[in-house]
Amino acid sequence: MSTEEKTVVYGTEDLLTSLCNSVTRVLNVATQSKIHYSAMVQRVTKIGLKPDIGCFVLFDGGFSGLVVLNFAGNAALEIYEKYMLSMGMPKSELASSFSSDEVSNILGELMNQIVGDFTGKVRRELQTNITQNQPKMLVLNKQVMLSVDTPLDRPEIRRVSFFTENNNIFYLELAIDRTEFIKLHDFDSSEITDPDALLDMQQASQANQSNATPPAASAGGDDASDELLRSLGM
């Protein structure tokens, strides 16, 4: 690989874009609606929870960070309602106030899926690993600032505006250690490393071989399959 290719850097804005794409991907599927984010990003000096509902998740590992989602009441209620309706829940049984525990629980569940989608992409695309804690949801009537001085040495903080299908706004804030990833050589970012996925692939392959070959010929294949599973610790 040339020196020029090695200098390709994956930095804070790239991580932010990946996280924003996880937000839209998860919420678009969950609500069966179109959610998008602003093409402009704010560089800010403080990160915090804001009314009416704030949610935050800490992650650590290859790099450390803090993710916050701040929802106005109408945005929170719209996302909650569309998610529940897409799941087949009748509208008459839905919570009518954003301050309901049910709304907070659903937004916390969606936040968990968002960060899970993001950490999966980090493993595949950046060849490193980060872990997350359980999302914390708070119904607020005033702003609460969060300090990131202790876990982050050189924090970089960004804010992005998101828009729901009904033009309600919510905000994503990201505080992250200043970090850069430099690609040293090519790799397959779609490679499957999950043991369960590997096992499913092997079982499917074994079934195809059994259908395509006589019983006597498939005995050796079974031995090879057993050996592969043993090598994977299964």
C-alpha atoms as a PDB file:
ATOM      1  CA  MET A   1       0.000   0.000   0.000  1.00  0.00           C
ATOM      2  CA  SER A   2       1.296   3.486  -0.834  1.00  0.00           C
ATOM      3  CA  THR A   3       2.151   6.132   1.773  1.00  0.00           C
ATOM      4  CA  GLU A   4      -0.738   8.258   0.497  1.00  0.00           C
ATOM      5  CA  GLU A   5      -3.248   5.473   1.172  1.00  0.00           C
ATOM      6  CA  LYS A   6      -1.868   4.999   4.704  1.00  0.00           C
ATOM      7  CA  THR A   7      -2.545   8.649   5.540  1.00  0.00           C
ATOM      8  CA  VAL A   8      -6.317   8.243   5.101  1.00  0.00           C
ATOM      9  CA  VAL A   9      -7.684   9.177   8.518  1.00  0.00           C
ATOM     10  CA  TYR A  10     -10.992   8.300  10.190  1.00  0.00           C
ATOM     11  CA  GLY A  11     -11.584  11.018  12.784  1.00  0.00           C
ATOM     12  CA  THR A  12     -14.207  12.622  15.012  1.00  0.00           C
ATOM     13  CA  GLU A  13     -16.526  13.798  12.233  1.00  0.00           C
ATOM     14  CA  ASP A  14     -16.438  10.347  10.623  1.00  0.00           C
ATOM     15  CA  LEU A  15     -17.389   8.720  13.930  1.00  0.00           C
ATOM     16  CA  LEU A  16     -20.145  11.301  14.353  1.00  0.00           C
ATOM     17  CA  THR A  17     -21.504  10.591  10.858  1.00  0.00           C
ATOM     18  CA  SER A  18     -21.507   6.861  11.583  1.00  0.00           C
ATOM     19  CA  LEU A  19     -23.408   7.466  14.820  1.00  0.00           C
ATOM     20  CA  CYS A  20     -25.924   9.762  13.087  1.00  0.00           C
ATOM     21  CA  ASN A  21     -26.515   7.088  10.450  1.00  0.00           C
ATOM     22  CA  SER A  22     -27.187   4.569  13.233  1.00  0.00           C
ATOM     23  CA  VAL A  23     -29.783   6.950  14.709  1.00  0.00           C
ATOM     24  CA  THR A  24     -31.636   7.345  11.398  1.00  0.00           C
ATOM     25  CA  ARG A  25     -31.344   3.671  10.490  1.00  0.00           C
ATOM     26  CA  VAL A  26     -32.784   2.398  13.788  1.00  0.00           C
ATOM     27  CA  LEU A  27     -35.504   5.049  14.112  1.00  0.00           C
ATOM     28  CA  ASN A  28     -36.581   4.836  10.462  1.00  0.00           C
ATOM     29  CA  VAL A  29     -37.117   1.094  10.820  1.00  0.00           C
ATOM     30  CA  ALA A  30     -38.685   1.330  14.280  1.00  0.00           C
ATOM     31  CA  THR A  31     -41.153   4.096  13.438  1.00  0.00           C
ATOM     32  CA  GLN A  32     -41.713   3.252   9.754  1.00  0.00           C
ATOM     33  CA  SER A  33     -41.177   6.945   9.009  1.00  0.00           C
ATOM     34  CA  LYS A  34     -38.491   9.233   7.613  1.00  0.00           C
ATOM     35  CA  ILE A  35     -36.086  10.828  10.100  1.00  0.00           C
ATOM     36  CA  HIS A  36     -33.110  12.851   8.889  1.00  0.00           C
ATOM     37  CA  TYR A  37     -30.357  15.016  10.321  1.00  0.00           C
ATOM     38  CA  SER A  38     -28.890  18.405   9.493  1.00  0.00           C
ATOM     39  CA  ALA A  39     -25.970  18.697   7.096  1.00  0.00           C
ATOM     40  CA  MET A  40     -24.436  21.172   9.536  1.00  0.00           C
ATOM     41  CA  VAL A  41     -22.819  20.099  12.813  1.00  0.00           C
ATOM     42  CA  GLN A  42     -22.108  22.320  15.821  1.00  0.00           C
ATOM     43  CA  ARG A  43     -18.794  22.257  17.683  1.00  0.00           C
ATOM     44  CA  VAL A  44     -19.754  23.005  21.303  1.00  0.00           C
ATOM     45  CA  THR A  45     -17.920  23.231  24.626  1.00  0.00           C
ATOM     46  CA  LYS A  46     -20.473  21.611  26.953  1.00  0.00           C
ATOM     47  CA  ILE A  47     -22.654  18.528  26.837  1.00  0.00           C
ATOM     48  CA  GLY A  48     -25.792  17.987  28.873  1.00  0.00           C
ATOM     49  CA  LEU A  49     -29.345  16.750  29.279  1.00  0.00           C
ATOM     50  CA  LYS A  50     -32.087  19.173  28.280  1.00  0.00           C
ATOM     51  CA  PRO A  51     -35.890  19.252  28.681  1.00  0.00           C
ATOM     52  CA  ASP A  52     -38.142  17.488  28.085  1.00  0.00           C
ATOM     53  CA  ILE A  53     -36.475  14.061  27.962  1.00  0.00           C
ATOM     54  CA  GLY A  54     -32.741  13.450  28.070  1.00  0.00           C
ATOM     55  CA  CYS A  55     -31.003  10.128  27.513  1.00  0.00           C
ATOM     56  CA  PHE A  56     -27.311   9.318  27.815  1.00  0.00           C
ATOM     57  CA  VAL A  57     -25.001   6.355  27.271  1.00  0.00           C
ATOM     58  CA  LEU A  58     -21.324   5.994  28.158  1.00  0.00           C
ATOM     59  CA  PHE A  59     -19.024   3.786  26.107  1.00  0.00           C
ATOM     60  CA  ASP A  60     -15.454   2.671  26.656  1.00  0.00           C
ATOM     61  CA  GLY A  61     -12.822   0.418  25.112  1.00  0.00           C
ATOM     62  CA  GLY A  62     -10.797   1.317  22.013  1.00  0.00           C
ATOM     63  CA  PHE A  63     -11.901   4.895  22.661  1.00  0.00           C
ATOM     64  CA  SER A  64     -14.159   6.519  25.254  1.00  0.00           C
ATOM     65  CA  GLY A  65     -17.181   8.732  24.830  1.00  0.00           C
ATOM     66  CA  LEU A  66     -20.575   9.940  25.932  1.00  0.00           C
ATOM     67  CA  VAL A  67     -23.694  10.021  23.727  1.00  0.00           C
ATOM     68  CA  VAL A  68     -26.713  12.153  24.636  1.00  0.00           C
ATOM     69  CA  LEU A  69     -30.117  12.382  22.946  1.00  0.00           C
ATOM     70  CA  ASN A  70     -32.324  15.308  23.955  1.00  0.00           C
ATOM     71  CA  PHE A  71     -36.008  15.164  22.984  1.00  0.00           C
ATOM     72  CA  ALA A  72     -38.624  17.874  23.169  1.00  0.00           C
ATOM     73  CA  GLY A  73     -41.913  16.414  24.414  1.00  0.00           C
ATOM     74  CA  ASN A  74     -43.619  16.465  20.994  1.00  0.00           C
ATOM     75  CA  ALA A  75     -40.673  14.727  19.300  1.00  0.00           C
ATOM     76  CA  ALA A  76     -40.517  12.057  22.016  1.00  0.00           C
ATOM     77  CA  LEU A  77     -44.247  11.424  21.795  1.00  0.00           C
ATOM     78  CA  GLU A  78     -44.210  11.216  17.993  1.00  0.00           C
ATOM     79  CA  ILE A  79     -41.403   8.652  17.948  1.00  0.00           C
ATOM     80  CA  TYR A  80     -43.046   6.627  20.727  1.00  0.00           C
ATOM     81  CA  GLU A  81     -46.464   6.626  19.042  1.00  0.00           C
ATOM     82  CA  LYS A  82     -45.166   5.670  15.595  1.00  0.00           C
ATOM     83  CA  TYR A  83     -43.052   2.893  17.070  1.00  0.00           C
ATOM     84  CA  MET A  84     -45.950   1.423  19.039  1.00  0.00           C
ATOM     85  CA  LEU A  85     -48.380   1.744  16.109  1.00  0.00           C
ATOM     86  CA  SER A  86     -45.883  -0.022  13.825  1.00  0.00           C
ATOM     87  CA  MET A  87     -45.819  -2.852  16.391  1.00  0.00           C
ATOM     88  CA  GLY A  88     -49.608  -3.211  16.056  1.00  0.00           C
ATOM     89  CA  MET A  89     -50.627  -1.445  19.281  1.00  0.00           C
ATOM     90  CA  PRO A  90     -54.016   0.350  19.017  1.00  0.00           C
ATOM     91  CA  LYS A  91     -53.785   4.116  19.389  1.00  0.00           C
ATOM     92  CA  SER A  92     -56.387   4.097  22.179  1.00  0.00           C
ATOM     93  CA  GLU A  93     -53.966   2.166  24.424  1.00  0.00           C
ATOM     94  CA  LEU A  94     -50.990   4.496  23.968  1.00  0.00           C
ATOM     95  CA  ALA A  95     -49.678   6.915  26.576  1.00  0.00           C
ATOM     96  CA  SER A  96     -50.855  10.470  25.960  1.00  0.00           C
ATOM     97  CA  SER A  97     -48.055  12.330  27.777  1.00  0.00           C
ATOM     98  CA  PHE A  98     -44.324  12.394  27.033  1.00  0.00           C
ATOM     99  CA  SER A  99     -43.678  12.214  30.809  1.00  0.00           C
ATOM    100  CA  SER A 100     -45.157   8.717  30.981  1.00  0.00           C
ATOM    101  CA  ASP A 101     -42.761   5.979  32.084  1.00  0.00           C
ATOM    102  CA  GLU A 102     -43.762   3.977  29.003  1.00  0.00           C
ATOM    103  CA  VAL A 103     -42.457   6.722  26.685  1.00  0.00           C
ATOM    104  CA  SER A 104     -39.131   6.865  28.548  1.00  0.00           C
ATOM    105  CA  ASN A 105     -38.802   3.074  28.467  1.00  0.00           C
ATOM    106  CA  ILE A 106     -39.382   2.908  24.707  1.00  0.00           C
ATOM    107  CA  LEU A 107     -36.913   5.727  23.982  1.00  0.00           C
ATOM    108  CA  GLY A 108     -34.357   4.005  26.223  1.00  0.00           C
ATOM    109  CA  GLU A 109     -34.844   0.772  24.291  1.00  0.00           C
ATOM    110  CA  LEU A 110     -34.364   2.588  20.977  1.00  0.00           C
ATOM    111  CA  MET A 111     -31.282   4.367  22.337  1.00  0.00           C
ATOM    112  CA  ASN A 112     -29.834   0.981  23.270  1.00  0.00           C
ATOM    113  CA  GLN A 113     -30.431  -0.291  19.719  1.00  0.00           C
ATOM    114  CA  ILE A 114     -28.834   2.845  18.231  1.00  0.00           C
ATOM    115  CA  VAL A 115     -25.634   2.552  20.238  1.00  0.00           C
ATOM    116  CA  GLY A 116     -25.569  -1.218  19.628  1.00  0.00           C
ATOM    117  CA  ASP A 117     -25.738  -0.600  15.877  1.00  0.00           C
ATOM    118  CA  PHE A 118     -22.925   1.948  16.200  1.00  0.00           C
ATOM    119  CA  THR A 119     -20.639  -0.320  18.251  1.00  0.00           C
ATOM    120  CA  GLY A 120     -21.178  -3.108  15.705  1.00  0.00           C
ATOM    121  CA  LYS A 121     -19.999  -0.808  12.904  1.00  0.00           C
ATOM    122  CA  VAL A 122     -16.980   0.208  14.993  1.00  0.00           C
ATOM    123  CA  ARG A 123     -15.967  -3.444  15.324  1.00  0.00           C
ATOM    124  CA  ARG A 124     -16.373  -4.113  11.603  1.00  0.00           C
ATOM    125  CA  GLU A 125     -15.072  -0.881  10.092  1.00  0.00           C
ATOM    126  CA  LEU A 126     -12.425   0.264  12.601  1.00  0.00           C
ATOM    127  CA  GLN A 127     -11.202  -3.134  13.823  1.00  0.00           C
ATOM    128  CA  THR A 128     -11.548  -2.170  17.490  1.00  0.00           C
ATOM    129  CA  ASN A 129     -14.088  -2.747  20.227  1.00  0.00           C
ATOM    130  CA  ILE A 130     -16.146  -0.491  22.484  1.00  0.00           C
ATOM    131  CA  THR A 131     -18.648  -1.456  25.167  1.00  0.00           C
ATOM    132  CA  GLN A 132     -21.662   0.530  26.352  1.00  0.00           C
ATOM    133  CA  ASN A 133     -23.567   0.842  29.581  1.00  0.00           C
ATOM    134  CA  GLN A 134     -27.338   0.719  29.916  1.00  0.00           C
ATOM    135  CA  PRO A 135     -29.000   3.928  28.634  1.00  0.00           C
ATOM    136  CA  LYS A 136     -30.332   6.270  31.318  1.00  0.00           C
ATOM    137  CA  MET A 137     -33.538   8.214  30.564  1.00  0.00           C
ATOM    138  CA  LEU A 138     -34.631  11.263  32.560  1.00  0.00           C
ATOM    139  CA  VAL A 139     -37.744  13.438  32.276  1.00  0.00           C
ATOM    140  CA  LEU A 140     -36.494  16.968  32.953  1.00  0.00           C
ATOM    141  CA  ASN A 141     -37.865  20.427  33.573  1.00  0.00           C
ATOM    142  CA  LYS A 142     -34.469  22.117  33.468  1.00  0.00           C
ATOM    143  CA  GLN A 143     -31.066  21.632  31.855  1.00  0.00           C
ATOM    144  CA  VAL A 144     -28.489  19.361  33.514  1.00  0.00           C
ATOM    145  CA  MET A 145     -24.863  19.692  32.430  1.00  0.00           C
ATOM    146  CA  LEU A 146     -22.671  16.570  32.359  1.00  0.00           C
ATOM    147  CA  SER A 147     -18.961  16.725  33.108  1.00  0.00           C
ATOM    148  CA  VAL A 148     -16.698  14.766  30.774  1.00  0.00           C
ATOM    149  CA  ASP A 149     -13.389  16.061  32.151  1.00  0.00           C
ATOM    150  CA  THR A 150     -12.602  12.921  34.146  1.00  0.00           C
ATOM    151  CA  PRO A 151     -13.157  10.059  31.653  1.00  0.00           C
ATOM    152  CA  LEU A 152     -11.932  11.998  28.593  1.00  0.00           C
ATOM    153  CA  ASP A 153      -8.432  13.476  28.325  1.00  0.00           C
ATOM    154  CA  ARG A 154      -9.044  15.739  25.298  1.00  0.00           C
ATOM    155  CA  PRO A 155     -12.804  15.811  24.735  1.00  0.00           C
ATOM    156  CA  GLU A 156     -14.277  16.907  21.432  1.00  0.00           C
ATOM    157  CA  ILE A 157     -17.982  17.737  21.646  1.00  0.00           C
ATOM    158  CA  ARG A 158     -20.432  17.926  18.746  1.00  0.00           C
ATOM    159  CA  ARG A 159     -24.178  18.567  18.439  1.00  0.00           C
ATOM    160  CA  VAL A 160     -26.404  17.538  15.516  1.00  0.00           C
ATOM    161  CA  SER A 161     -30.057  18.442  14.907  1.00  0.00           C
ATOM    162  CA  PHE A 162     -32.494  15.703  13.856  1.00  0.00           C
ATOM    163  CA  PHE A 163     -35.926  16.159  12.296  1.00  0.00           C
ATOM    164  CA  THR A 164     -38.863  13.779  12.492  1.00  0.00           C
ATOM    165  CA  GLU A 165     -41.386  13.238   9.734  1.00  0.00           C
ATOM    166  CA  ASN A 166     -43.662  15.824  11.384  1.00  0.00           C
ATOM    167  CA  ASN A 167     -40.766  18.290  11.656  1.00  0.00           C
ATOM    168  CA  ASN A 168     -40.304  17.884  15.388  1.00  0.00           C
ATOM    169  CA  ILE A 169     -36.683  18.362  16.429  1.00  0.00           C
ATOM    170  CA  PHE A 170     -34.397  16.419  18.743  1.00  0.00           C
ATOM    171  CA  TYR A 171     -30.653  16.652  19.257  1.00  0.00           C
ATOM    172  CA  LEU A 172     -27.726  14.272  19.370  1.00  0.00           C
ATOM    173  CA  GLU A 173     -24.658  15.305  21.359  1.00  0.00           C
ATOM    174  CA  LEU A 174     -21.381  13.382  21.294  1.00  0.00           C
ATOM    175  CA  ALA A 175     -18.369  13.869  23.557  1.00  0.00           C
ATOM    176  CA  ILE A 176     -15.412  11.746  22.557  1.00  0.00           C
ATOM    177  CA  ASP A 177     -11.684  11.488  23.121  1.00  0.00           C
ATOM    178  CA  ARG A 178      -9.780  13.117  20.293  1.00  0.00           C
ATOM    179  CA  THR A 179      -8.728  10.120  18.240  1.00  0.00           C
ATOM    180  CA  GLU A 180      -7.780   9.195  14.690  1.00  0.00           C
ATOM    181  CA  PHE A 181      -7.781   5.844  12.907  1.00  0.00           C
ATOM    182  CA  ILE A 182      -5.282   5.374  10.064  1.00  0.00           C
ATOM    183  CA  LYS A 183      -5.816   2.512   7.633  1.00  0.00           C
ATOM    184  CA  LEU A 184      -2.622   0.460   7.330  1.00  0.00           C
ATOM    185  CA  HIS A 185      -3.884  -2.182   4.900  1.00  0.00           C
ATOM    186  CA  ASP A 186      -7.086  -3.338   3.219  1.00  0.00           C
ATOM    187  CA  PHE A 187      -9.517  -5.603   5.062  1.00  0.00           C
ATOM    188  CA  ASP A 188     -13.051  -6.873   4.595  1.00  0.00           C
ATOM    189  CA  SER A 189     -15.283  -4.752   6.851  1.00  0.00           C
ATOM    190  CA  SER A 190     -18.227  -7.076   6.166  1.00  0.00           C
ATOM    191  CA  GLU A 191     -16.411 -10.157   7.454  1.00  0.00           C
ATOM    192  CA  ILE A 192     -18.559 -12.184   9.869  1.00  0.00           C
ATOM    193  CA  THR A 193     -16.802 -12.721  13.195  1.00  0.00           C
ATOM    194  CA  ASP A 194     -19.807 -13.655  15.319  1.00  0.00           C
ATOM    195  CA  PRO A 195     -19.456 -17.329  16.438  1.00  0.00           C
ATOM    196  CA  ASP A 196     -23.218 -17.918  16.187  1.00  0.00           C
ATOM    197  CA  ALA A 197     -23.202 -16.632  12.606  1.00  0.00           C
ATOM    198  CA  LEU A 198     -20.248 -18.877  11.758  1.00  0.00           C
ATOM    199  CA  LEU A 199     -22.054 -21.866  13.276  1.00  0.00           C
ATOM    200  CA  ASP A 200     -25.212 -21.118  11.285  1.00  0.00           C
ATOM    201  CA  MET A 201     -23.166 -20.905   8.077  1.00  0.00           C
ATOM    202  CA  GLN A 202     -21.440 -24.200   8.832  1.00  0.00           C
ATOM    203  CA  GLN A 203     -24.717 -25.969   9.604  1.00  0.00           C
ATOM    204  CA  ALA A 204     -26.253 -24.662   6.367  1.00  0.00           C
ATOM    205  CA  SER A 205     -23.218 -25.829   4.405  1.00  0.00           C
ATOM    206  CA  GLN A 206     -23.387 -29.245   6.068  1.00  0.00           C
ATOM    207  CA  ALA A 207     -27.085 -29.583   5.212  1.00  0.00           C
ATOM    208  CA  ASN A 208     -26.392 -28.715   1.567  1.00  0.00           C
ATOM    209  CA  GLN A 209     -23.602 -31.296   1.409  1.00  0.00           C
ATOM    210  CA  SER A 210     -25.879 -33.959   2.911  1.00  0.00           C
ATOM    211  CA  ASN A 211     -28.503 -33.295   0.248  1.00  0.00           C
ATOM    212  CA  ALA A 212     -25.986 -33.282  -2.586  1.00  0.00           C
ATOM    213  CA  THR A 213     -23.894 -36.350  -1.668  1.00  0.00           C
ATOM    214  CA  PRO A 214     -24.652 -39.988  -0.811  1.00  0.00           C
ATOM    215  CA  PRO A 215     -24.493 -40.947   2.901  1.00  0.00           C
ATOM    216  CA  ALA A 216     -21.162 -42.753   2.542  1.00  0.00           C
ATOM    217  CA  ALA A 217     -19.501 -39.727   0.998  1.00  0.00           C
ATOM    218  CA  SER A 218     -20.812 -37.308   3.648  1.00  0.00           C
ATOM    219  CA  ALA A 219     -19.240 -39.140   6.600  1.00  0.00           C
ATOM    220  CA  GLY A 220     -15.859 -37.474   6.018  1.00  0.00           C
ATOM    221  CA  GLY A 221     -17.613 -34.109   5.818  1.00  0.00           C
ATOM    222  CA  ASP A 222     -19.160 -34.700   9.257  1.00  0.00           C
ATOM    223  CA  ASP A 223     -15.691 -35.381  10.693  1.00  0.00           C
ATOM    224  CA  ALA A 224     -14.430 -32.163   9.124  1.00  0.00           C
ATOM    225  CA  SER A 225     -17.417 -30.263  10.562  1.00  0.00           C
ATOM    226  CA  ASP A 226     -16.760 -31.653  14.034  1.00  0.00           C
ATOM    227  CA  GLU A 227     -13.126 -30.644  13.756  1.00  0.00           C
ATOM    228  CA  LEU A 228     -14.076 -27.088  12.736  1.00  0.00           C
ATOM    229  CA  LEU A 229     -16.524 -26.743  15.627  1.00  0.00           C
ATOM    230  CA  ARG A 230     -13.870 -28.041  18.043  1.00  0.00           C
ATOM    231  CA  SER A 231     -11.382 -25.487  16.695  1.00  0.00           C
ATOM    232  CA  LEU A 232     -13.959 -22.740  17.414  1.00  0.00           C
ATOM    233  CA  GLY A 233     -14.390 -24.020  20.951  1.00  0.00           C
ATOM    234  CA  MET A 234     -17.947 -25.267  20.333  1.00  0.00           C
END
